[in-house]
Amino acid sequence: MKIKLHILIILLAVFAVPAVADDVDQWIQNLNDASQDVRETSADNLGNSGDSRAVDPLIQTLKDDGARDVRSKAVMALGKLDDSKAVEPLIQTLKNDEWQVQFRAADSLGYLGDSRAVEPLILALKEDDDSAVRGQAASALGMLNNSSAVEPIILALRDTHYAVRGHAAEALGMLNNSSAVEPLILALNDEDNSVRVYAALALGKLDDSNAVEPLIRALNDGDDWVRKNVATALGDLGDNRAIEPLKAALNDEDGDVREAAAAALTKLGRQAP
């Protein structure tokens, strides 16, 4: 019985392959369908197919004049397919007039991990009119992990929009560059609580002892979300100077802060009393 079942599984697998191939062919054909919904669904499916035959048709779909959402779906699909042929077309798409398409292009370029995207993303971070695009460009540059992006991202900590500053702080935590430490310490005083959170978490990743005392002071931040993540960052840094301040944080009025302080103390090798 087990042998028959094994043979049946093999036969199902063999006969399933042409069906998948047929599906991909149909989805490619449907990229030219008159219905926007059909084109969007087909682009989605092609991105999840893992089939390299979809790359060129999706690149052509970036020029779809009929609907912005179809172009966005094609951009997202190209990011998933991980093919270097998509890099240059996606770089060109960063110049699109629609921020939604630019946003997705920046995201996909980050996932593709190709250094050709660094300079175009830096340009988008510095000059694009839309804050969502600037923020996503910062995130993508963090994913690309190229040292030439460090200074532009540090400058983005001064952006007028809090979301861009938050993305910049998070990206600096990915880049592992010591020149980001002082700017991130300054960002612990940002007027927006989300920026302070991302700055704290980034400092926890950079493993620089200069961040310990500023983070200890930030345990007194007026926002409980900030205090919680500051405690987490102090646990990540592993410096014993944080032990007593974290013990004091065990009495914080917020339960999440108390929990984060206890977890940080455990990381530091001290059991919370």
C-alpha atoms as a PDB file:
ATOM      1  CA  MET A   1       0.000   0.000   0.000  1.00  0.00           C
ATOM      2  CA  LYS A   2       2.843   2.416   0.894  1.00  0.00           C
ATOM      3  CA  ILE A   3       4.576   1.619  -2.433  1.00  0.00           C
ATOM      4  CA  LYS A   4       1.412   2.386  -4.407  1.00  0.00           C
ATOM      5  CA  LEU A   5       0.945   5.646  -2.519  1.00  0.00           C
ATOM      6  CA  HIS A   6       4.547   6.615  -3.273  1.00  0.00           C
ATOM      7  CA  ILE A   7       4.043   5.923  -6.986  1.00  0.00           C
ATOM      8  CA  LEU A   8       0.828   7.961  -6.970  1.00  0.00           C
ATOM      9  CA  ILE A   9       2.626  10.945  -5.420  1.00  0.00           C
ATOM     10  CA  ILE A  10       5.347  10.758  -8.092  1.00  0.00           C
ATOM     11  CA  LEU A  11       2.765  10.602 -10.880  1.00  0.00           C
ATOM     12  CA  LEU A  12       0.889  13.593  -9.460  1.00  0.00           C
ATOM     13  CA  ALA A  13       4.113  15.587  -9.284  1.00  0.00           C
ATOM     14  CA  VAL A  14       5.040  14.716 -12.864  1.00  0.00           C
ATOM     15  CA  PHE A  15       1.675  15.639 -14.276  1.00  0.00           C
ATOM     16  CA  ALA A  16       1.457  18.833 -12.173  1.00  0.00           C
ATOM     17  CA  VAL A  17       4.467  20.432 -13.901  1.00  0.00           C
ATOM     18  CA  PRO A  18       2.819  21.062 -17.302  1.00  0.00           C
ATOM     19  CA  ALA A  19      -0.227  22.543 -15.529  1.00  0.00           C
ATOM     20  CA  VAL A  20       1.975  25.106 -13.751  1.00  0.00           C
ATOM     21  CA  ALA A  21       3.767  25.927 -16.985  1.00  0.00           C
ATOM     22  CA  ASP A  22       0.412  26.390 -18.715  1.00  0.00           C
ATOM     23  CA  ASP A  23      -0.693  28.705 -15.928  1.00  0.00           C
ATOM     24  CA  VAL A  24       2.388  30.899 -16.363  1.00  0.00           C
ATOM     25  CA  ASP A  25       1.816  31.093 -20.115  1.00  0.00           C
ATOM     26  CA  GLN A  26      -1.779  32.110 -19.512  1.00  0.00           C
ATOM     27  CA  TRP A  27      -0.838  34.761 -16.921  1.00  0.00           C
ATOM     28  CA  ILE A  28       1.710  36.217 -19.335  1.00  0.00           C
ATOM     29  CA  GLN A  29      -0.946  36.388 -22.019  1.00  0.00           C
ATOM     30  CA  ASN A  30      -3.377  37.969 -19.547  1.00  0.00           C
ATOM     31  CA  LEU A  31      -1.003  40.891 -18.979  1.00  0.00           C
ATOM     32  CA  ASN A  32      -2.536  42.268 -22.187  1.00  0.00           C
ATOM     33  CA  ASP A  33      -6.125  41.630 -21.168  1.00  0.00           C
ATOM     34  CA  ALA A  34      -8.620  44.491 -21.511  1.00  0.00           C
ATOM     35  CA  SER A  35      -9.601  44.101 -17.861  1.00  0.00           C
ATOM     36  CA  GLN A  36      -7.436  45.939 -15.329  1.00  0.00           C
ATOM     37  CA  ASP A  37      -8.336  43.412 -12.622  1.00  0.00           C
ATOM     38  CA  VAL A  38      -7.160  40.541 -14.815  1.00  0.00           C
ATOM     39  CA  ARG A  39      -3.862  42.295 -15.553  1.00  0.00           C
ATOM     40  CA  GLU A  40      -3.296  43.027 -11.845  1.00  0.00           C
ATOM     41  CA  THR A  41      -4.050  39.439 -10.802  1.00  0.00           C
ATOM     42  CA  SER A  42      -1.803  38.059 -13.533  1.00  0.00           C
ATOM     43  CA  ALA A  43       1.109  40.264 -12.467  1.00  0.00           C
ATOM     44  CA  ASP A  44       0.600  39.111  -8.865  1.00  0.00           C
ATOM     45  CA  ASN A  45       0.551  35.471  -9.878  1.00  0.00           C
ATOM     46  CA  LEU A  46       3.660  35.838 -12.033  1.00  0.00           C
ATOM     47  CA  GLY A  47       5.557  37.407  -9.161  1.00  0.00           C
ATOM     48  CA  ASN A  48       4.741  34.399  -7.010  1.00  0.00           C
ATOM     49  CA  SER A  49       5.468  31.877  -9.755  1.00  0.00           C
ATOM     50  CA  GLY A  50       9.259  32.021  -9.552  1.00  0.00           C
ATOM     51  CA  ASP A  51       9.339  31.564 -13.322  1.00  0.00           C
ATOM     52  CA  SER A  52      12.003  33.590 -15.145  1.00  0.00           C
ATOM     53  CA  ARG A  53       9.895  33.629 -18.322  1.00  0.00           C
ATOM     54  CA  ALA A  54       7.730  36.236 -16.603  1.00  0.00           C
ATOM     55  CA  VAL A  55      10.517  38.819 -16.294  1.00  0.00           C
ATOM     56  CA  ASP A  56      10.469  40.301 -19.810  1.00  0.00           C
ATOM     57  CA  PRO A  57       6.657  40.490 -20.063  1.00  0.00           C
ATOM     58  CA  LEU A  58       6.512  42.169 -16.647  1.00  0.00           C
ATOM     59  CA  ILE A  59       9.147  44.685 -17.744  1.00  0.00           C
ATOM     60  CA  GLN A  60       6.945  45.511 -20.699  1.00  0.00           C
ATOM     61  CA  THR A  61       4.013  45.921 -18.326  1.00  0.00           C
ATOM     62  CA  LEU A  62       5.881  48.733 -16.587  1.00  0.00           C
ATOM     63  CA  LYS A  63       4.830  50.772 -19.621  1.00  0.00           C
ATOM     64  CA  ASP A  64       1.130  49.912 -19.191  1.00  0.00           C
ATOM     65  CA  ASP A  65      -0.736  53.123 -19.963  1.00  0.00           C
ATOM     66  CA  GLY A  66      -4.046  51.828 -18.756  1.00  0.00           C
ATOM     67  CA  ALA A  67      -3.680  51.709 -14.965  1.00  0.00           C
ATOM     68  CA  ARG A  68      -1.280  52.766 -12.270  1.00  0.00           C
ATOM     69  CA  ASP A  69      -2.127  49.742 -10.102  1.00  0.00           C
ATOM     70  CA  VAL A  70      -1.124  47.345 -12.892  1.00  0.00           C
ATOM     71  CA  ARG A  71       2.293  48.997 -13.083  1.00  0.00           C
ATOM     72  CA  SER A  72       2.614  48.805  -9.291  1.00  0.00           C
ATOM     73  CA  LYS A  73       1.818  45.090  -9.327  1.00  0.00           C
ATOM     74  CA  ALA A  74       4.362  44.515 -12.090  1.00  0.00           C
ATOM     75  CA  VAL A  75       7.010  46.376 -10.099  1.00  0.00           C
ATOM     76  CA  MET A  76       6.304  44.265  -7.030  1.00  0.00           C
ATOM     77  CA  ALA A  77       6.394  41.072  -9.073  1.00  0.00           C
ATOM     78  CA  LEU A  78       9.802  41.926 -10.537  1.00  0.00           C
ATOM     79  CA  GLY A  79      11.164  42.431  -7.033  1.00  0.00           C
ATOM     80  CA  LYS A  80      10.077  38.913  -6.104  1.00  0.00           C
ATOM     81  CA  LEU A  81      11.524  37.216  -9.192  1.00  0.00           C
ATOM     82  CA  ASP A  82      15.105  38.189  -8.290  1.00  0.00           C
ATOM     83  CA  ASP A  83      16.387  38.689 -11.846  1.00  0.00           C
ATOM     84  CA  SER A  84      19.084  41.285 -12.552  1.00  0.00           C
ATOM     85  CA  LYS A  85      17.415  42.157 -15.879  1.00  0.00           C
ATOM     86  CA  ALA A  86      14.774  44.018 -13.886  1.00  0.00           C
ATOM     87  CA  VAL A  87      17.201  46.406 -12.188  1.00  0.00           C
ATOM     88  CA  GLU A  88      17.599  49.024 -14.916  1.00  0.00           C
ATOM     89  CA  PRO A  89      13.880  49.137 -15.801  1.00  0.00           C
ATOM     90  CA  LEU A  90      13.039  49.545 -12.108  1.00  0.00           C
ATOM     91  CA  ILE A  91      15.606  52.347 -11.797  1.00  0.00           C
ATOM     92  CA  GLN A  92      13.834  54.116 -14.649  1.00  0.00           C
ATOM     93  CA  THR A  93      10.540  53.548 -12.862  1.00  0.00           C
ATOM     94  CA  LEU A  94      11.876  55.523  -9.888  1.00  0.00           C
ATOM     95  CA  LYS A  95      11.315  58.564 -12.123  1.00  0.00           C
ATOM     96  CA  ASN A  96       7.634  57.749 -12.634  1.00  0.00           C
ATOM     97  CA  ASP A  97       5.127  60.545 -12.096  1.00  0.00           C
ATOM     98  CA  GLU A  98       3.068  58.461  -9.663  1.00  0.00           C
ATOM     99  CA  TRP A  99       4.418  58.092  -6.148  1.00  0.00           C
ATOM    100  CA  GLN A 100       2.776  54.703  -5.619  1.00  0.00           C
ATOM    101  CA  VAL A 101       4.765  53.241  -8.515  1.00  0.00           C
ATOM    102  CA  GLN A 102       7.985  54.932  -7.377  1.00  0.00           C
ATOM    103  CA  PHE A 103       7.440  53.609  -3.847  1.00  0.00           C
ATOM    104  CA  ARG A 104       7.121  50.027  -5.087  1.00  0.00           C
ATOM    105  CA  ALA A 105      10.130  50.441  -7.364  1.00  0.00           C
ATOM    106  CA  ALA A 106      12.313  51.538  -4.436  1.00  0.00           C
ATOM    107  CA  ASP A 107      11.071  48.586  -2.390  1.00  0.00           C
ATOM    108  CA  SER A 108      11.792  46.088  -5.176  1.00  0.00           C
ATOM    109  CA  LEU A 109      15.256  47.531  -5.790  1.00  0.00           C
ATOM    110  CA  GLY A 110      16.073  46.975  -2.139  1.00  0.00           C
ATOM    111  CA  TYR A 111      15.055  43.321  -2.382  1.00  0.00           C
ATOM    112  CA  LEU A 112      16.992  42.782  -5.608  1.00  0.00           C
ATOM    113  CA  GLY A 113      20.194  43.859  -3.830  1.00  0.00           C
ATOM    114  CA  ASP A 114      21.996  45.231  -6.891  1.00  0.00           C
ATOM    115  CA  SER A 115      24.541  48.014  -6.338  1.00  0.00           C
ATOM    116  CA  ARG A 116      23.449  49.755  -9.546  1.00  0.00           C
ATOM    117  CA  ALA A 117      20.433  50.976  -7.607  1.00  0.00           C
ATOM    118  CA  VAL A 118      22.453  52.800  -4.934  1.00  0.00           C
ATOM    119  CA  GLU A 119      22.974  56.148  -6.659  1.00  0.00           C
ATOM    120  CA  PRO A 120      19.425  56.373  -8.094  1.00  0.00           C
ATOM    121  CA  LEU A 121      18.001  55.595  -4.644  1.00  0.00           C
ATOM    122  CA  ILE A 122      20.234  58.225  -3.045  1.00  0.00           C
ATOM    123  CA  LEU A 123      18.935  60.721  -5.581  1.00  0.00           C
ATOM    124  CA  ALA A 124      15.344  59.750  -4.748  1.00  0.00           C
ATOM    125  CA  LEU A 125      16.090  60.100  -1.036  1.00  0.00           C
ATOM    126  CA  LYS A 126      17.481  63.589  -1.519  1.00  0.00           C
ATOM    127  CA  GLU A 127      15.186  65.029  -4.155  1.00  0.00           C
ATOM    128  CA  ASP A 128      11.856  63.260  -4.513  1.00  0.00           C
ATOM    129  CA  ASP A 129       8.871  65.423  -3.638  1.00  0.00           C
ATOM    130  CA  ASP A 130       6.946  62.629  -1.940  1.00  0.00           C
ATOM    131  CA  SER A 131       7.820  61.657   1.627  1.00  0.00           C
ATOM    132  CA  ALA A 132       6.702  58.041   1.118  1.00  0.00           C
ATOM    133  CA  VAL A 133       9.141  57.642  -1.763  1.00  0.00           C
ATOM    134  CA  ARG A 134      11.973  59.255   0.203  1.00  0.00           C
ATOM    135  CA  GLY A 135      11.296  56.987   3.160  1.00  0.00           C
ATOM    136  CA  GLN A 136      11.193  53.840   1.051  1.00  0.00           C
ATOM    137  CA  ALA A 137      14.403  54.896  -0.697  1.00  0.00           C
ATOM    138  CA  ALA A 138      16.076  55.095   2.725  1.00  0.00           C
ATOM    139  CA  SER A 139      14.822  51.623   3.632  1.00  0.00           C
ATOM    140  CA  ALA A 140      16.007  50.182   0.314  1.00  0.00           C
ATOM    141  CA  LEU A 141      19.450  51.714   0.800  1.00  0.00           C
ATOM    142  CA  GLY A 142      19.646  50.062   4.196  1.00  0.00           C
ATOM    143  CA  MET A 143      18.892  46.713   2.581  1.00  0.00           C
ATOM    144  CA  LEU A 144      21.564  47.289  -0.071  1.00  0.00           C
ATOM    145  CA  ASN A 145      24.154  47.798   2.705  1.00  0.00           C
ATOM    146  CA  ASN A 146      26.460  50.054   0.683  1.00  0.00           C
ATOM    147  CA  SER A 147      28.733  52.412   2.602  1.00  0.00           C
ATOM    148  CA  SER A 148      28.223  55.248   0.111  1.00  0.00           C
ATOM    149  CA  ALA A 149      24.644  55.531   1.366  1.00  0.00           C
ATOM    150  CA  VAL A 150      25.596  56.257   4.985  1.00  0.00           C
ATOM    151  CA  GLU A 151      26.031  60.024   4.718  1.00  0.00           C
ATOM    152  CA  PRO A 152      22.896  60.617   2.623  1.00  0.00           C
ATOM    153  CA  ILE A 153      20.850  58.586   5.094  1.00  0.00           C
ATOM    154  CA  ILE A 154      22.349  60.501   8.028  1.00  0.00           C
ATOM    155  CA  LEU A 155      21.271  63.719   6.303  1.00  0.00           C
ATOM    156  CA  ALA A 156      17.783  62.223   5.958  1.00  0.00           C
ATOM    157  CA  LEU A 157      17.521  62.221   9.766  1.00  0.00           C
ATOM    158  CA  ARG A 158      16.833  65.949   9.284  1.00  0.00           C
ATOM    159  CA  ASP A 159      14.048  65.448   6.764  1.00  0.00           C
ATOM    160  CA  THR A 160      10.953  67.536   7.378  1.00  0.00           C
ATOM    161  CA  HIS A 161       8.730  64.443   7.477  1.00  0.00           C
ATOM    162  CA  TYR A 162       8.845  62.171  10.521  1.00  0.00           C
ATOM    163  CA  ALA A 163       8.321  58.994   8.462  1.00  0.00           C
ATOM    164  CA  VAL A 164      11.428  59.680   6.393  1.00  0.00           C
ATOM    165  CA  ARG A 165      13.443  60.297   9.551  1.00  0.00           C
ATOM    166  CA  GLY A 166      12.154  57.032  11.004  1.00  0.00           C
ATOM    167  CA  HIS A 167      13.046  55.029   7.890  1.00  0.00           C
ATOM    168  CA  ALA A 168      16.474  56.673   7.885  1.00  0.00           C
ATOM    169  CA  ALA A 169      17.110  55.714  11.508  1.00  0.00           C
ATOM    170  CA  GLU A 170      16.058  52.134  10.852  1.00  0.00           C
ATOM    171  CA  ALA A 171      18.265  51.961   7.742  1.00  0.00           C
ATOM    172  CA  LEU A 172      21.304  53.177   9.667  1.00  0.00           C
ATOM    173  CA  GLY A 173      20.865  50.254  12.019  1.00  0.00           C
ATOM    174  CA  MET A 174      21.264  47.928   9.021  1.00  0.00           C
ATOM    175  CA  LEU A 175      24.417  49.586   7.702  1.00  0.00           C
ATOM    176  CA  ASN A 176      26.675  48.879  10.702  1.00  0.00           C
ATOM    177  CA  ASN A 177      28.727  52.047  10.306  1.00  0.00           C
ATOM    178  CA  SER A 178      30.118  53.809  13.376  1.00  0.00           C
ATOM    179  CA  SER A 179      29.640  57.271  11.849  1.00  0.00           C
ATOM    180  CA  ALA A 180      25.890  56.792  12.363  1.00  0.00           C
ATOM    181  CA  VAL A 181      26.148  56.564  16.150  1.00  0.00           C
ATOM    182  CA  GLU A 182      26.273  60.271  17.039  1.00  0.00           C
ATOM    183  CA  PRO A 183      23.485  61.259  14.613  1.00  0.00           C
ATOM    184  CA  LEU A 184      21.315  58.480  16.006  1.00  0.00           C
ATOM    185  CA  ILE A 185      22.028  59.633  19.565  1.00  0.00           C
ATOM    186  CA  LEU A 186      20.767  63.078  18.539  1.00  0.00           C
ATOM    187  CA  ALA A 187      17.704  61.404  17.012  1.00  0.00           C
ATOM    188  CA  LEU A 188      16.807  60.075  20.469  1.00  0.00           C
ATOM    189  CA  ASN A 189      15.555  63.630  21.059  1.00  0.00           C
ATOM    190  CA  ASP A 190      13.441  63.815  17.897  1.00  0.00           C
ATOM    191  CA  GLU A 191      10.014  65.363  18.383  1.00  0.00           C
ATOM    192  CA  ASP A 192       8.344  62.253  16.964  1.00  0.00           C
ATOM    193  CA  ASN A 193       8.162  59.153  19.131  1.00  0.00           C
ATOM    194  CA  SER A 194       8.486  56.709  16.211  1.00  0.00           C
ATOM    195  CA  VAL A 195      11.795  58.299  15.177  1.00  0.00           C
ATOM    196  CA  ARG A 196      13.065  57.956  18.746  1.00  0.00           C
ATOM    197  CA  VAL A 197      12.052  54.290  18.739  1.00  0.00           C
ATOM    198  CA  TYR A 198      13.871  53.495  15.482  1.00  0.00           C
ATOM    199  CA  ALA A 199      16.919  55.459  16.617  1.00  0.00           C
ATOM    200  CA  ALA A 200      17.071  53.447  19.847  1.00  0.00           C
ATOM    201  CA  LEU A 201      16.731  50.102  18.066  1.00  0.00           C
ATOM    202  CA  ALA A 202      19.377  51.109  15.521  1.00  0.00           C
ATOM    203  CA  LEU A 203      21.785  52.031  18.304  1.00  0.00           C
ATOM    204  CA  GLY A 204      21.174  48.630  19.854  1.00  0.00           C
ATOM    205  CA  LYS A 205      22.353  47.008  16.632  1.00  0.00           C
ATOM    206  CA  LEU A 206      25.473  49.139  16.124  1.00  0.00           C
ATOM    207  CA  ASP A 207      27.302  47.741  19.172  1.00  0.00           C
ATOM    208  CA  ASP A 208      28.970  51.021  20.175  1.00  0.00           C
ATOM    209  CA  SER A 209      29.498  51.732  23.858  1.00  0.00           C
ATOM    210  CA  ASN A 210      29.033  55.470  23.273  1.00  0.00           C
ATOM    211  CA  ALA A 211      25.310  54.791  22.912  1.00  0.00           C
ATOM    212  CA  VAL A 212      24.884  53.304  26.388  1.00  0.00           C
ATOM    213  CA  GLU A 213      24.614  56.469  28.491  1.00  0.00           C
ATOM    214  CA  PRO A 214      22.290  58.283  26.038  1.00  0.00           C
ATOM    215  CA  LEU A 215      20.053  55.217  25.976  1.00  0.00           C
ATOM    216  CA  ILE A 216      20.044  55.039  29.766  1.00  0.00           C
ATOM    217  CA  ARG A 217      18.830  58.645  29.831  1.00  0.00           C
ATOM    218  CA  ALA A 218      16.191  57.740  27.256  1.00  0.00           C
ATOM    219  CA  LEU A 219      14.736  55.227  29.725  1.00  0.00           C
ATOM    220  CA  ASN A 220      13.053  58.324  31.172  1.00  0.00           C
ATOM    221  CA  ASP A 221      11.385  59.259  27.879  1.00  0.00           C
ATOM    222  CA  GLY A 222       7.797  60.409  28.287  1.00  0.00           C
ATOM    223  CA  ASP A 223       6.538  57.837  25.778  1.00  0.00           C
ATOM    224  CA  ASP A 224       6.136  54.243  26.938  1.00  0.00           C
ATOM    225  CA  TRP A 225       6.733  52.823  23.418  1.00  0.00           C
ATOM    226  CA  VAL A 226      10.087  54.591  23.366  1.00  0.00           C
ATOM    227  CA  ARG A 227      11.030  53.375  26.852  1.00  0.00           C
ATOM    228  CA  LYS A 228      10.162  49.802  25.919  1.00  0.00           C
ATOM    229  CA  ASN A 229      12.420  49.835  22.858  1.00  0.00           C
ATOM    230  CA  VAL A 230      15.203  51.660  24.676  1.00  0.00           C
ATOM    231  CA  ALA A 231      15.228  48.830  27.219  1.00  0.00           C
ATOM    232  CA  THR A 232      15.436  46.318  24.370  1.00  0.00           C
ATOM    233  CA  ALA A 233      18.346  48.227  22.824  1.00  0.00           C
ATOM    234  CA  LEU A 234      20.225  48.283  26.117  1.00  0.00           C
ATOM    235  CA  GLY A 235      19.816  44.534  26.369  1.00  0.00           C
ATOM    236  CA  ASP A 236      21.200  44.165  22.851  1.00  0.00           C
ATOM    237  CA  LEU A 237      24.253  46.294  23.651  1.00  0.00           C
ATOM    238  CA  GLY A 238      25.176  44.065  26.599  1.00  0.00           C
ATOM    239  CA  ASP A 239      26.844  46.755  28.714  1.00  0.00           C
ATOM    240  CA  ASN A 240      26.689  46.293  32.492  1.00  0.00           C
ATOM    241  CA  ARG A 241      26.199  50.031  33.041  1.00  0.00           C
ATOM    242  CA  ALA A 242      22.584  49.424  32.048  1.00  0.00           C
ATOM    243  CA  ILE A 243      21.872  46.920  34.830  1.00  0.00           C
ATOM    244  CA  GLU A 244      20.814  49.304  37.597  1.00  0.00           C
ATOM    245  CA  PRO A 245      18.785  51.601  35.296  1.00  0.00           C
ATOM    246  CA  LEU A 246      17.020  48.542  33.885  1.00  0.00           C
ATOM    247  CA  LYS A 247      16.275  47.314  37.397  1.00  0.00           C
ATOM    248  CA  ALA A 248      14.691  50.688  38.087  1.00  0.00           C
ATOM    249  CA  ALA A 249      12.638  50.278  34.900  1.00  0.00           C
ATOM    250  CA  LEU A 250      11.105  47.147  36.425  1.00  0.00           C
ATOM    251  CA  ASN A 251       8.943  49.595  38.376  1.00  0.00           C
ATOM    252  CA  ASP A 252       7.813  51.492  35.263  1.00  0.00           C
ATOM    253  CA  GLU A 253       4.109  52.331  35.146  1.00  0.00           C
ATOM    254  CA  ASP A 254       3.795  50.536  31.799  1.00  0.00           C
ATOM    255  CA  GLY A 255       3.693  46.740  31.712  1.00  0.00           C
ATOM    256  CA  ASP A 256       5.381  46.448  28.320  1.00  0.00           C
ATOM    257  CA  VAL A 257       8.302  48.537  29.560  1.00  0.00           C
ATOM    258  CA  ARG A 258       8.639  46.349  32.653  1.00  0.00           C
ATOM    259  CA  GLU A 259       8.594  43.229  30.473  1.00  0.00           C
ATOM    260  CA  ALA A 260      11.236  44.646  28.110  1.00  0.00           C
ATOM    261  CA  ALA A 261      13.447  45.646  31.047  1.00  0.00           C
ATOM    262  CA  ALA A 262      13.213  42.125  32.502  1.00  0.00           C
ATOM    263  CA  ALA A 263      14.117  40.591  29.129  1.00  0.00           C
ATOM    264  CA  ALA A 264      17.068  42.973  28.792  1.00  0.00           C
ATOM    265  CA  LEU A 265      18.343  42.072  32.246  1.00  0.00           C
ATOM    266  CA  THR A 266      18.165  38.396  31.311  1.00  0.00           C
ATOM    267  CA  LYS A 267      20.279  39.150  28.225  1.00  0.00           C
ATOM    268  CA  LEU A 268      22.761  40.890  30.470  1.00  0.00           C
ATOM    269  CA  GLY A 269      23.004  37.780  32.599  1.00  0.00           C
ATOM    270  CA  ARG A 270      21.025  39.168  35.525  1.00  0.00           C
ATOM    271  CA  GLN A 271      17.737  37.750  36.647  1.00  0.00           C
ATOM    272  CA  ALA A 272      15.091  40.337  37.417  1.00  0.00           C
ATOM    273  CA  PRO A 273      14.244  40.288  41.151  1.00  0.00           C
END
